[in-house]
Amino acid sequence: MLHIVNKSHLERSALDACLRIATGGTLLLIEDGVYAALAGTPGEAKLRDAMARFKVCALAPDLEARGVADRVMEGVALVDYGGFVDLVASHPTCQSWL
């Protein structure tokens, strides 16, 4: 399953809910959700732990738009819009966490 989180982990509980309920798959961070992929933030340890169950990806254009593309933690795969489409097409189900 592809899990899509578009809200910041600092403002909403979407990422926490996903990590608590989902059993695995691919986690794609988009829009303000990309802030969870940054090294040195309060969410880094949580996301690093999640990497045991999820392949973690972040949308590179959203990181660039927020000026934080150079701060992504190790282990997070960056995808462009084509990669986003590929992820959706390669997973039989997608869940957007609001």
C-alpha atoms as a PDB file:
ATOM      1  CA  MET A   1       0.000   0.000   0.000  1.00  0.00           C
ATOM      2  CA  LEU A   2       1.117   3.538  -0.736  1.00  0.00           C
ATOM      3  CA  HIS A   3       0.576   5.854   2.228  1.00  0.00           C
ATOM      4  CA  ILE A   4       0.531   9.563   1.324  1.00  0.00           C
ATOM      5  CA  VAL A   5       1.007  12.221   3.999  1.00  0.00           C
ATOM      6  CA  ASN A   6       0.665  15.871   2.970  1.00  0.00           C
ATOM      7  CA  LYS A   7       0.483  17.650   6.341  1.00  0.00           C
ATOM      8  CA  SER A   8       3.336  18.705   8.590  1.00  0.00           C
ATOM      9  CA  HIS A   9       3.949  16.415  11.540  1.00  0.00           C
ATOM     10  CA  LEU A  10       4.267  19.583  13.628  1.00  0.00           C
ATOM     11  CA  GLU A  11       0.713  20.752  12.895  1.00  0.00           C
ATOM     12  CA  ARG A  12      -1.368  17.622  12.342  1.00  0.00           C
ATOM     13  CA  SER A  13      -1.397  14.025  13.520  1.00  0.00           C
ATOM     14  CA  ALA A  14      -1.641  12.439  10.047  1.00  0.00           C
ATOM     15  CA  LEU A  15       1.912  11.050  10.108  1.00  0.00           C
ATOM     16  CA  ASP A  16       1.519   9.754  13.662  1.00  0.00           C
ATOM     17  CA  ALA A  17      -1.752   8.037  12.729  1.00  0.00           C
ATOM     18  CA  CYS A  18      -0.177   6.466   9.665  1.00  0.00           C
ATOM     19  CA  LEU A  19       2.821   5.163  11.589  1.00  0.00           C
ATOM     20  CA  ARG A  20       0.624   3.865  14.407  1.00  0.00           C
ATOM     21  CA  ILE A  21      -1.987   2.097  12.253  1.00  0.00           C
ATOM     22  CA  ALA A  22      -0.303   1.063   9.006  1.00  0.00           C
ATOM     23  CA  THR A  23       1.696  -2.136   8.975  1.00  0.00           C
ATOM     24  CA  GLY A  24       4.043  -1.285   6.135  1.00  0.00           C
ATOM     25  CA  GLY A  25       4.358  -0.410   2.482  1.00  0.00           C
ATOM     26  CA  THR A  26       5.640   2.807   1.014  1.00  0.00           C
ATOM     27  CA  LEU A  27       5.284   6.168   2.745  1.00  0.00           C
ATOM     28  CA  LEU A  28       5.286   9.197   0.462  1.00  0.00           C
ATOM     29  CA  LEU A  29       5.663  12.642   2.011  1.00  0.00           C
ATOM     30  CA  ILE A  30       4.303  15.496  -0.108  1.00  0.00           C
ATOM     31  CA  GLU A  31       3.437  19.194   0.365  1.00  0.00           C
ATOM     32  CA  ASP A  32       4.090  20.172   4.034  1.00  0.00           C
ATOM     33  CA  GLY A  33       4.507  16.489   4.900  1.00  0.00           C
ATOM     34  CA  VAL A  34       8.067  16.704   3.555  1.00  0.00           C
ATOM     35  CA  TYR A  35       9.143  18.510   6.737  1.00  0.00           C
ATOM     36  CA  ALA A  36       9.114  15.121   8.500  1.00  0.00           C
ATOM     37  CA  ALA A  37      11.980  13.993   6.231  1.00  0.00           C
ATOM     38  CA  LEU A  38      14.409  16.623   7.494  1.00  0.00           C
ATOM     39  CA  ALA A  39      17.481  15.696   9.495  1.00  0.00           C
ATOM     40  CA  GLY A  40      17.769  17.229  12.932  1.00  0.00           C
ATOM     41  CA  THR A  41      14.038  17.706  13.529  1.00  0.00           C
ATOM     42  CA  PRO A  42      11.880  16.250  16.312  1.00  0.00           C
ATOM     43  CA  GLY A  43      10.336  13.839  13.798  1.00  0.00           C
ATOM     44  CA  GLU A  44      13.639  12.359  12.609  1.00  0.00           C
ATOM     45  CA  ALA A  45      13.815   9.532  15.154  1.00  0.00           C
ATOM     46  CA  LYS A  46      10.188   8.616  14.551  1.00  0.00           C
ATOM     47  CA  LEU A  47      10.689   8.456  10.800  1.00  0.00           C
ATOM     48  CA  ARG A  48      13.963   6.558  11.154  1.00  0.00           C
ATOM     49  CA  ASP A  49      12.152   3.918  13.243  1.00  0.00           C
ATOM     50  CA  ALA A  50       9.438   3.730  10.582  1.00  0.00           C
ATOM     51  CA  MET A  51      12.034   2.874   7.941  1.00  0.00           C
ATOM     52  CA  ALA A  52      12.069  -0.670   9.319  1.00  0.00           C
ATOM     53  CA  ARG A  53       8.476  -1.087   8.068  1.00  0.00           C
ATOM     54  CA  PHE A  54       8.209   1.418   5.224  1.00  0.00           C
ATOM     55  CA  LYS A  55      10.107   2.541   2.200  1.00  0.00           C
ATOM     56  CA  VAL A  56      10.099   6.306   2.803  1.00  0.00           C
ATOM     57  CA  CYS A  57       9.978   8.749  -0.101  1.00  0.00           C
ATOM     58  CA  ALA A  58       9.617  12.516  -0.329  1.00  0.00           C
ATOM     59  CA  LEU A  59       8.545  14.640  -3.261  1.00  0.00           C
ATOM     60  CA  ALA A  60      11.656  16.573  -4.318  1.00  0.00           C
ATOM     61  CA  PRO A  61       9.810  19.552  -5.882  1.00  0.00           C
ATOM     62  CA  ASP A  62       8.007  20.135  -2.562  1.00  0.00           C
ATOM     63  CA  LEU A  63      11.311  20.048  -0.661  1.00  0.00           C
ATOM     64  CA  GLU A  64      12.794  22.498  -3.158  1.00  0.00           C
ATOM     65  CA  ALA A  65       9.778  24.803  -2.966  1.00  0.00           C
ATOM     66  CA  ARG A  66      10.239  25.016   0.809  1.00  0.00           C
ATOM     67  CA  GLY A  67      13.999  25.587   0.557  1.00  0.00           C
ATOM     68  CA  VAL A  68      14.909  22.468   2.530  1.00  0.00           C
ATOM     69  CA  ALA A  69      16.055  20.009  -0.161  1.00  0.00           C
ATOM     70  CA  ASP A  70      19.593  20.050   1.252  1.00  0.00           C
ATOM     71  CA  ARG A  71      18.443  18.909   4.721  1.00  0.00           C
ATOM     72  CA  VAL A  72      16.843  15.531   3.912  1.00  0.00           C
ATOM     73  CA  MET A  73      17.822  12.720   6.259  1.00  0.00           C
ATOM     74  CA  GLU A  74      19.623   9.630   4.959  1.00  0.00           C
ATOM     75  CA  GLY A  75      17.418   6.799   3.812  1.00  0.00           C
ATOM     76  CA  VAL A  76      14.660   8.951   2.324  1.00  0.00           C
ATOM     77  CA  ALA A  77      14.264   8.415  -1.405  1.00  0.00           C
ATOM     78  CA  LEU A  78      13.536  11.561  -3.387  1.00  0.00           C
ATOM     79  CA  VAL A  79      11.036  11.332  -6.218  1.00  0.00           C
ATOM     80  CA  ASP A  80       9.950  13.809  -8.867  1.00  0.00           C
ATOM     81  CA  TYR A  81       6.403  14.089 -10.242  1.00  0.00           C
ATOM     82  CA  GLY A  82       7.024  11.178 -12.618  1.00  0.00           C
ATOM     83  CA  GLY A  83       8.208   9.108  -9.653  1.00  0.00           C
ATOM     84  CA  PHE A  84       5.028  10.045  -7.783  1.00  0.00           C
ATOM     85  CA  VAL A  85       2.976   8.711 -10.694  1.00  0.00           C
ATOM     86  CA  ASP A  86       5.116   5.557 -10.794  1.00  0.00           C
ATOM     87  CA  LEU A  87       4.507   4.960  -7.077  1.00  0.00           C
ATOM     88  CA  VAL A  88       0.750   5.329  -7.489  1.00  0.00           C
ATOM     89  CA  ALA A  89       0.742   3.031 -10.525  1.00  0.00           C
ATOM     90  CA  SER A  90       2.873   0.366  -8.836  1.00  0.00           C
ATOM     91  CA  HIS A  91       0.756   0.080  -5.678  1.00  0.00           C
ATOM     92  CA  PRO A  92      -2.675  -1.562  -5.894  1.00  0.00           C
ATOM     93  CA  THR A  93      -4.027   0.684  -3.123  1.00  0.00           C
ATOM     94  CA  CYS A  94      -3.275   4.202  -1.901  1.00  0.00           C
ATOM     95  CA  GLN A  95      -4.234   5.815   1.372  1.00  0.00           C
ATOM     96  CA  SER A  96      -4.084   9.567   1.888  1.00  0.00           C
ATOM     97  CA  TRP A  97      -3.682  10.380   5.570  1.00  0.00           C
ATOM     98  CA  LEU A  98      -5.492  13.545   6.514  1.00  0.00           C
END
